[in-house]
Amino acid sequence: MVKSGRAGKSSISHNFPSIAPPITAAGVARYAGVLSAGIINEILVIGNLPRGQTTQNVTYFIVDRNTKAIVSQVTLPDASNHFNGVEIRLKVARLSGAYDIGTFQSDGEFQPAEFLAVRSDLDTPPSSGVGARGA
C-alpha cells in the first residue's frame, strides 16, 4: 500500500498479473454436458393445485429422469381456493426427454407430485396422472 499526499488516504498499487477468464473455450467443450455451452432450453410445469386453504408454500424440484439431476425448482402454495391451474415456463441449461417434479421427504426419498407434470420439446408422456393441459 502506498500513502498518498492526502491525510489518511491511501491507494493500492495495481501491479497484478492479468487474470484469465474463469473458463476457456477448451473448458466449455470439455464440460459441454454440464454447461450446455450457454444454450438455454424451456420447460413447462403444468397441473392443478389441490383446492383448499393455503397453509404453506412448497418447493417442488424438477429432476431429469435419466440422470437424476435436479435441473430447476419452483415454489407453489400447497393448496388454493382462488386458483388451481398451474402453467409455468422455466429455463434449464440441458434439455431432457423426461422430467419428474416433486419434493424430497425427510429421509431423502424423492416423492413425485401427482398433480403436476413437466413438458419439454423432447417430451415423452409425463409420469404423473396429469394430462397434456393439466386435465
N, C-alpha and C. Protein backbone atom coordinates (compact mmCIF):
# COMPACT_ATOMS: atom_id res chain seq x y z
N MET A 1 0.84 -1.15 0.00
CA MET A 1 0.00 0.00 0.00
C MET A 1 0.90 1.23 0.00
N VAL A 2 0.53 2.21 -0.80
CA VAL A 2 1.31 3.42 -0.94
C VAL A 2 0.48 4.57 -0.39
N LYS A 3 1.06 5.35 0.52
CA LYS A 3 0.36 6.51 1.08
C LYS A 3 0.33 7.62 0.05
N SER A 4 -0.83 8.26 -0.07
CA SER A 4 -0.94 9.38 -0.98
C SER A 4 -0.66 10.66 -0.19
N GLY A 5 -0.65 11.79 -0.88
CA GLY A 5 -0.38 13.06 -0.26
C GLY A 5 -1.51 13.53 0.64
N ARG A 6 -2.66 12.94 0.55
CA ARG A 6 -3.81 13.36 1.36
C ARG A 6 -3.76 12.68 2.71
N ALA A 7 -4.15 13.39 3.73
CA ALA A 7 -4.11 12.88 5.10
C ALA A 7 -5.06 11.69 5.24
N GLY A 8 -4.52 10.56 5.71
CA GLY A 8 -5.34 9.39 5.99
C GLY A 8 -5.81 8.63 4.77
N LYS A 9 -5.55 9.08 3.58
CA LYS A 9 -5.96 8.40 2.36
C LYS A 9 -4.82 7.53 1.85
N SER A 10 -5.14 6.40 1.28
CA SER A 10 -4.12 5.55 0.69
C SER A 10 -4.66 4.96 -0.60
N SER A 11 -3.78 4.58 -1.45
CA SER A 11 -4.18 3.93 -2.69
C SER A 11 -3.45 2.61 -2.80
N ILE A 12 -4.03 1.70 -3.49
CA ILE A 12 -3.44 0.37 -3.65
C ILE A 12 -2.74 0.32 -5.00
N SER A 13 -1.54 -0.22 -4.99
CA SER A 13 -0.79 -0.38 -6.23
C SER A 13 -1.46 -1.46 -7.08
N HIS A 14 -1.60 -1.23 -8.36
CA HIS A 14 -2.26 -2.17 -9.27
C HIS A 14 -1.24 -2.91 -10.13
N ASN A 15 -0.30 -3.54 -9.51
CA ASN A 15 0.72 -4.30 -10.23
C ASN A 15 0.38 -5.80 -10.21
N PHE A 16 -0.87 -6.13 -10.60
CA PHE A 16 -1.30 -7.52 -10.62
C PHE A 16 -1.13 -8.09 -12.02
N PRO A 17 -0.81 -9.39 -12.12
CA PRO A 17 -0.76 -10.01 -13.45
C PRO A 17 -2.17 -10.07 -14.03
N SER A 18 -2.29 -10.16 -15.35
CA SER A 18 -3.62 -10.26 -15.95
C SER A 18 -4.27 -11.56 -15.50
N ILE A 19 -5.57 -11.51 -15.31
CA ILE A 19 -6.31 -12.66 -14.81
C ILE A 19 -7.04 -13.31 -15.97
N ALA A 20 -6.91 -14.63 -16.07
CA ALA A 20 -7.55 -15.40 -17.14
C ALA A 20 -9.05 -15.51 -16.85
N PRO A 21 -9.87 -15.69 -17.89
CA PRO A 21 -11.31 -15.88 -17.67
C PRO A 21 -11.54 -17.13 -16.84
N PRO A 22 -12.71 -17.22 -16.18
CA PRO A 22 -12.97 -18.35 -15.31
C PRO A 22 -12.98 -19.70 -16.04
N ILE A 23 -13.34 -19.70 -17.33
CA ILE A 23 -13.31 -20.94 -18.09
C ILE A 23 -13.00 -20.61 -19.55
N THR A 24 -12.16 -21.41 -20.14
CA THR A 24 -11.74 -21.20 -21.52
C THR A 24 -12.66 -21.95 -22.47
N ALA A 25 -12.47 -21.71 -23.76
CA ALA A 25 -13.25 -22.43 -24.77
C ALA A 25 -13.02 -23.94 -24.65
N ALA A 26 -11.79 -24.34 -24.35
CA ALA A 26 -11.49 -25.76 -24.17
C ALA A 26 -12.24 -26.32 -22.96
N GLY A 27 -12.35 -25.51 -21.90
CA GLY A 27 -13.08 -25.94 -20.71
C GLY A 27 -14.56 -26.10 -20.99
N VAL A 28 -15.13 -25.16 -21.76
CA VAL A 28 -16.54 -25.26 -22.13
C VAL A 28 -16.76 -26.54 -22.94
N ALA A 29 -15.87 -26.84 -23.87
CA ALA A 29 -16.00 -28.05 -24.70
C ALA A 29 -15.91 -29.30 -23.83
N ARG A 30 -15.01 -29.28 -22.86
CA ARG A 30 -14.81 -30.45 -22.01
C ARG A 30 -16.04 -30.72 -21.13
N TYR A 31 -16.70 -29.66 -20.68
CA TYR A 31 -17.85 -29.79 -19.80
C TYR A 31 -19.16 -29.43 -20.51
N ALA A 32 -19.24 -29.69 -21.79
CA ALA A 32 -20.41 -29.33 -22.59
C ALA A 32 -21.69 -29.94 -22.04
N GLY A 33 -21.62 -31.15 -21.53
CA GLY A 33 -22.81 -31.79 -20.98
C GLY A 33 -23.33 -31.09 -19.74
N VAL A 34 -22.44 -30.49 -18.98
CA VAL A 34 -22.84 -29.78 -17.77
C VAL A 34 -23.25 -28.36 -18.09
N LEU A 35 -22.45 -27.68 -18.91
CA LEU A 35 -22.68 -26.28 -19.20
C LEU A 35 -23.62 -26.04 -20.37
N SER A 36 -23.78 -27.00 -21.23
CA SER A 36 -24.59 -26.91 -22.44
C SER A 36 -24.20 -25.71 -23.30
N ALA A 37 -22.98 -25.28 -23.16
CA ALA A 37 -22.39 -24.22 -23.98
C ALA A 37 -23.28 -22.99 -24.09
N GLY A 38 -23.94 -22.66 -23.01
CA GLY A 38 -24.75 -21.44 -22.98
C GLY A 38 -26.12 -21.57 -23.61
N ILE A 39 -26.49 -22.75 -24.08
CA ILE A 39 -27.81 -22.94 -24.69
C ILE A 39 -28.84 -23.06 -23.57
N ILE A 40 -29.87 -22.27 -23.64
CA ILE A 40 -30.94 -22.31 -22.64
C ILE A 40 -32.17 -22.93 -23.29
N ASN A 41 -32.77 -23.87 -22.60
CA ASN A 41 -33.97 -24.55 -23.08
C ASN A 41 -35.13 -24.26 -22.15
N GLU A 42 -36.33 -24.37 -22.66
CA GLU A 42 -37.52 -24.06 -21.88
C GLU A 42 -38.32 -25.32 -21.60
N ILE A 43 -38.79 -25.43 -20.35
CA ILE A 43 -39.70 -26.49 -19.96
C ILE A 43 -40.97 -25.84 -19.42
N LEU A 44 -42.02 -26.62 -19.33
CA LEU A 44 -43.31 -26.12 -18.89
C LEU A 44 -43.83 -26.99 -17.75
N VAL A 45 -44.07 -26.38 -16.58
CA VAL A 45 -44.68 -27.08 -15.46
C VAL A 45 -46.19 -26.84 -15.56
N ILE A 46 -46.97 -27.92 -15.58
CA ILE A 46 -48.43 -27.82 -15.71
C ILE A 46 -49.11 -28.67 -14.65
N GLY A 47 -50.34 -28.36 -14.39
CA GLY A 47 -51.11 -29.17 -13.47
C GLY A 47 -52.18 -28.36 -12.76
N ASN A 48 -52.75 -28.95 -11.72
CA ASN A 48 -53.80 -28.33 -10.92
C ASN A 48 -53.48 -28.52 -9.45
N LEU A 49 -53.38 -27.40 -8.72
CA LEU A 49 -53.16 -27.48 -7.29
C LEU A 49 -54.40 -28.03 -6.60
N PRO A 50 -54.22 -28.68 -5.47
CA PRO A 50 -55.39 -29.12 -4.70
C PRO A 50 -56.21 -27.90 -4.26
N ARG A 51 -57.53 -28.06 -4.19
CA ARG A 51 -58.41 -26.98 -3.70
C ARG A 51 -58.38 -26.97 -2.18
N GLY A 52 -58.36 -25.76 -1.62
CA GLY A 52 -58.39 -25.64 -0.17
C GLY A 52 -57.63 -24.41 0.30
N GLN A 53 -57.61 -24.24 1.60
CA GLN A 53 -56.92 -23.12 2.23
C GLN A 53 -55.41 -23.28 2.07
N THR A 54 -54.73 -22.23 1.65
CA THR A 54 -53.27 -22.25 1.57
C THR A 54 -52.71 -22.21 2.99
N THR A 55 -51.90 -23.20 3.34
CA THR A 55 -51.30 -23.23 4.67
C THR A 55 -49.79 -23.06 4.64
N GLN A 56 -49.18 -23.30 3.48
CA GLN A 56 -47.73 -23.15 3.37
C GLN A 56 -47.32 -23.13 1.91
N ASN A 57 -46.10 -22.67 1.65
CA ASN A 57 -45.51 -22.78 0.33
C ASN A 57 -44.66 -24.03 0.29
N VAL A 58 -44.65 -24.68 -0.85
CA VAL A 58 -43.91 -25.93 -1.03
C VAL A 58 -42.94 -25.75 -2.19
N THR A 59 -41.69 -26.14 -1.98
CA THR A 59 -40.70 -26.11 -3.06
C THR A 59 -40.71 -27.46 -3.76
N TYR A 60 -41.01 -27.43 -5.06
CA TYR A 60 -41.00 -28.64 -5.88
C TYR A 60 -39.73 -28.63 -6.73
N PHE A 61 -39.06 -29.76 -6.78
CA PHE A 61 -37.83 -29.89 -7.54
C PHE A 61 -38.13 -30.60 -8.85
N ILE A 62 -37.54 -30.09 -9.94
CA ILE A 62 -37.67 -30.72 -11.25
C ILE A 62 -36.40 -31.53 -11.47
N VAL A 63 -36.58 -32.82 -11.68
CA VAL A 63 -35.47 -33.77 -11.77
C VAL A 63 -35.45 -34.40 -13.16
N ASP A 64 -34.27 -34.43 -13.78
CA ASP A 64 -34.07 -35.14 -15.04
C ASP A 64 -34.20 -36.63 -14.73
N ARG A 65 -35.20 -37.27 -15.29
CA ARG A 65 -35.47 -38.68 -15.00
C ARG A 65 -34.31 -39.58 -15.42
N ASN A 66 -33.57 -39.20 -16.45
CA ASN A 66 -32.48 -40.04 -16.95
C ASN A 66 -31.22 -39.94 -16.09
N THR A 67 -30.86 -38.71 -15.68
CA THR A 67 -29.61 -38.52 -14.94
C THR A 67 -29.83 -38.37 -13.44
N LYS A 68 -31.09 -38.20 -13.02
CA LYS A 68 -31.46 -37.97 -11.62
C LYS A 68 -30.91 -36.65 -11.08
N ALA A 69 -30.56 -35.72 -11.96
CA ALA A 69 -30.04 -34.42 -11.56
C ALA A 69 -31.19 -33.43 -11.39
N ILE A 70 -31.10 -32.59 -10.36
CA ILE A 70 -32.07 -31.51 -10.18
C ILE A 70 -31.73 -30.43 -11.20
N VAL A 71 -32.70 -30.07 -12.04
CA VAL A 71 -32.45 -29.07 -13.09
C VAL A 71 -33.11 -27.73 -12.79
N SER A 72 -34.10 -27.72 -11.90
CA SER A 72 -34.77 -26.47 -11.56
C SER A 72 -35.64 -26.71 -10.33
N GLN A 73 -36.27 -25.66 -9.88
CA GLN A 73 -37.22 -25.76 -8.78
C GLN A 73 -38.26 -24.67 -8.92
N VAL A 74 -39.40 -24.88 -8.30
CA VAL A 74 -40.47 -23.89 -8.30
C VAL A 74 -41.18 -23.99 -6.95
N THR A 75 -41.57 -22.83 -6.41
CA THR A 75 -42.29 -22.80 -5.14
C THR A 75 -43.74 -22.41 -5.41
N LEU A 76 -44.65 -23.26 -4.89
CA LEU A 76 -46.09 -23.07 -5.09
C LEU A 76 -46.81 -23.24 -3.76
N PRO A 77 -48.03 -22.69 -3.65
CA PRO A 77 -48.81 -22.95 -2.44
C PRO A 77 -49.23 -24.42 -2.38
N ASP A 78 -49.46 -24.92 -1.16
CA ASP A 78 -49.86 -26.32 -1.03
C ASP A 78 -51.29 -26.57 -1.49
N ALA A 79 -52.11 -25.52 -1.51
CA ALA A 79 -53.49 -25.60 -1.98
C ALA A 79 -53.97 -24.17 -2.25
N SER A 80 -55.11 -24.05 -2.93
CA SER A 80 -55.63 -22.72 -3.21
C SER A 80 -57.13 -22.76 -3.44
N ASN A 81 -57.83 -21.77 -2.87
CA ASN A 81 -59.25 -21.59 -3.14
C ASN A 81 -59.47 -20.59 -4.27
N HIS A 82 -58.45 -19.78 -4.59
CA HIS A 82 -58.59 -18.70 -5.57
C HIS A 82 -58.24 -19.13 -6.99
N PHE A 83 -57.28 -19.99 -7.12
CA PHE A 83 -56.88 -20.50 -8.43
C PHE A 83 -56.31 -21.88 -8.20
N ASN A 84 -56.32 -22.71 -9.22
CA ASN A 84 -55.67 -24.01 -9.05
C ASN A 84 -54.87 -24.41 -10.27
N GLY A 85 -55.09 -23.76 -11.41
CA GLY A 85 -54.33 -24.11 -12.61
C GLY A 85 -52.90 -23.60 -12.54
N VAL A 86 -51.96 -24.45 -12.94
CA VAL A 86 -50.54 -24.11 -12.94
C VAL A 86 -50.01 -24.25 -14.36
N GLU A 87 -49.35 -23.23 -14.84
CA GLU A 87 -48.63 -23.28 -16.12
C GLU A 87 -47.47 -22.29 -16.01
N ILE A 88 -46.28 -22.83 -15.75
CA ILE A 88 -45.09 -22.01 -15.51
C ILE A 88 -43.98 -22.43 -16.47
N ARG A 89 -43.45 -21.47 -17.19
CA ARG A 89 -42.31 -21.73 -18.08
C ARG A 89 -41.03 -21.47 -17.32
N LEU A 90 -40.09 -22.42 -17.41
CA LEU A 90 -38.80 -22.30 -16.74
C LEU A 90 -37.68 -22.54 -17.74
N LYS A 91 -36.55 -21.93 -17.50
CA LYS A 91 -35.36 -22.13 -18.33
C LYS A 91 -34.45 -23.16 -17.67
N VAL A 92 -33.95 -24.10 -18.46
CA VAL A 92 -32.99 -25.10 -17.97
C VAL A 92 -31.82 -25.15 -18.94
N ALA A 93 -30.67 -25.48 -18.43
CA ALA A 93 -29.46 -25.50 -19.25
C ALA A 93 -29.39 -26.71 -20.17
N ARG A 94 -29.96 -27.82 -19.74
CA ARG A 94 -29.86 -29.06 -20.53
C ARG A 94 -31.25 -29.67 -20.69
N LEU A 95 -31.65 -29.84 -21.93
CA LEU A 95 -32.98 -30.38 -22.22
C LEU A 95 -32.96 -31.91 -22.14
N SER A 96 -34.01 -32.45 -21.59
CA SER A 96 -34.16 -33.90 -21.45
C SER A 96 -35.53 -34.29 -21.99
N GLY A 97 -35.70 -35.54 -22.30
CA GLY A 97 -36.97 -36.03 -22.78
C GLY A 97 -37.90 -36.47 -21.67
N ALA A 98 -37.40 -36.49 -20.43
CA ALA A 98 -38.21 -37.00 -19.33
C ALA A 98 -37.84 -36.30 -18.03
N TYR A 99 -38.83 -35.66 -17.42
CA TYR A 99 -38.65 -34.98 -16.14
C TYR A 99 -39.68 -35.48 -15.14
N ASP A 100 -39.31 -35.41 -13.87
CA ASP A 100 -40.24 -35.63 -12.78
C ASP A 100 -40.26 -34.36 -11.95
N ILE A 101 -41.36 -34.09 -11.28
CA ILE A 101 -41.47 -32.95 -10.37
C ILE A 101 -42.04 -33.46 -9.06
N GLY A 102 -41.43 -33.01 -7.97
CA GLY A 102 -41.90 -33.45 -6.66
C GLY A 102 -41.07 -32.86 -5.54
N THR A 103 -41.19 -33.45 -4.38
CA THR A 103 -40.49 -33.00 -3.19
C THR A 103 -39.60 -34.11 -2.67
N PHE A 104 -38.72 -33.75 -1.76
CA PHE A 104 -37.88 -34.74 -1.09
C PHE A 104 -38.37 -34.90 0.34
N GLN A 105 -38.59 -36.16 0.73
CA GLN A 105 -39.02 -36.45 2.09
C GLN A 105 -37.83 -36.29 3.04
N SER A 106 -38.09 -36.33 4.34
CA SER A 106 -37.02 -36.14 5.32
C SER A 106 -35.93 -37.20 5.22
N ASP A 107 -36.25 -38.39 4.69
CA ASP A 107 -35.24 -39.43 4.52
C ASP A 107 -34.49 -39.32 3.20
N GLY A 108 -34.78 -38.24 2.42
CA GLY A 108 -34.08 -38.02 1.16
C GLY A 108 -34.74 -38.67 -0.04
N GLU A 109 -35.81 -39.38 0.18
CA GLU A 109 -36.52 -40.07 -0.90
C GLU A 109 -37.34 -39.06 -1.71
N PHE A 110 -37.24 -39.14 -3.03
CA PHE A 110 -38.00 -38.26 -3.91
C PHE A 110 -39.44 -38.73 -3.99
N GLN A 111 -40.38 -37.79 -3.79
CA GLN A 111 -41.81 -38.09 -3.84
C GLN A 111 -42.43 -37.29 -4.98
N PRO A 112 -42.80 -37.95 -6.10
CA PRO A 112 -43.41 -37.21 -7.22
C PRO A 112 -44.72 -36.54 -6.81
N ALA A 113 -44.97 -35.36 -7.36
CA ALA A 113 -46.24 -34.67 -7.15
C ALA A 113 -47.21 -35.19 -8.20
N GLU A 114 -48.27 -35.84 -7.76
CA GLU A 114 -49.22 -36.47 -8.67
C GLU A 114 -50.04 -35.47 -9.47
N PHE A 115 -50.14 -34.24 -9.01
CA PHE A 115 -50.97 -33.23 -9.66
C PHE A 115 -50.17 -32.26 -10.53
N LEU A 116 -48.86 -32.47 -10.68
CA LEU A 116 -48.01 -31.63 -11.53
C LEU A 116 -47.25 -32.50 -12.52
N ALA A 117 -46.92 -31.92 -13.66
CA ALA A 117 -46.11 -32.60 -14.67
C ALA A 117 -45.20 -31.57 -15.34
N VAL A 118 -44.18 -32.07 -16.02
CA VAL A 118 -43.25 -31.20 -16.74
C VAL A 118 -43.22 -31.62 -18.20
N ARG A 119 -43.35 -30.65 -19.09
CA ARG A 119 -43.32 -30.89 -20.54
C ARG A 119 -42.10 -30.19 -21.11
N SER A 120 -41.58 -30.75 -22.19
CA SER A 120 -40.46 -30.13 -22.91
C SER A 120 -40.59 -30.43 -24.39
N ASP A 121 -39.71 -29.84 -25.18
CA ASP A 121 -39.71 -30.10 -26.62
C ASP A 121 -39.36 -31.54 -26.94
N LEU A 122 -38.63 -32.20 -26.06
CA LEU A 122 -38.24 -33.60 -26.27
C LEU A 122 -39.15 -34.54 -25.50
N ASP A 123 -40.42 -34.18 -25.38
CA ASP A 123 -41.34 -34.82 -24.47
C ASP A 123 -41.56 -36.30 -24.72
N THR A 124 -41.60 -37.00 -23.60
CA THR A 124 -42.19 -38.33 -23.54
C THR A 124 -43.39 -38.15 -22.63
N PRO A 125 -44.36 -39.04 -22.63
CA PRO A 125 -45.54 -38.83 -21.78
C PRO A 125 -45.14 -38.60 -20.33
N PRO A 126 -45.82 -37.67 -19.62
CA PRO A 126 -45.48 -37.40 -18.22
C PRO A 126 -45.73 -38.62 -17.36
N SER A 127 -44.93 -38.75 -16.29
CA SER A 127 -45.05 -39.91 -15.41
C SER A 127 -46.21 -39.80 -14.45
N SER A 128 -46.69 -38.57 -14.23
CA SER A 128 -47.80 -38.39 -13.30
C SER A 128 -49.13 -38.57 -14.03
N GLY A 129 -50.21 -38.46 -13.28
CA GLY A 129 -51.53 -38.62 -13.85
C GLY A 129 -52.05 -37.37 -14.54
N VAL A 130 -51.24 -36.33 -14.65
CA VAL A 130 -51.68 -35.07 -15.25
C VAL A 130 -51.64 -35.19 -16.76
N GLY A 131 -52.70 -34.76 -17.41
CA GLY A 131 -52.77 -34.82 -18.86
C GLY A 131 -52.00 -33.69 -19.52
N ALA A 132 -52.12 -33.57 -20.82
CA ALA A 132 -51.33 -32.60 -21.59
C ALA A 132 -51.58 -31.17 -21.16
N ARG A 133 -52.79 -30.82 -20.72
CA ARG A 133 -53.07 -29.44 -20.32
C ARG A 133 -53.51 -29.37 -18.87
N GLY A 134 -53.07 -30.31 -18.06
CA GLY A 134 -53.40 -30.26 -16.64
C GLY A 134 -54.78 -30.81 -16.32
N ALA A 135 -55.40 -31.52 -17.25
CA ALA A 135 -56.74 -32.07 -17.05
C ALA A 135 -56.70 -33.30 -16.17
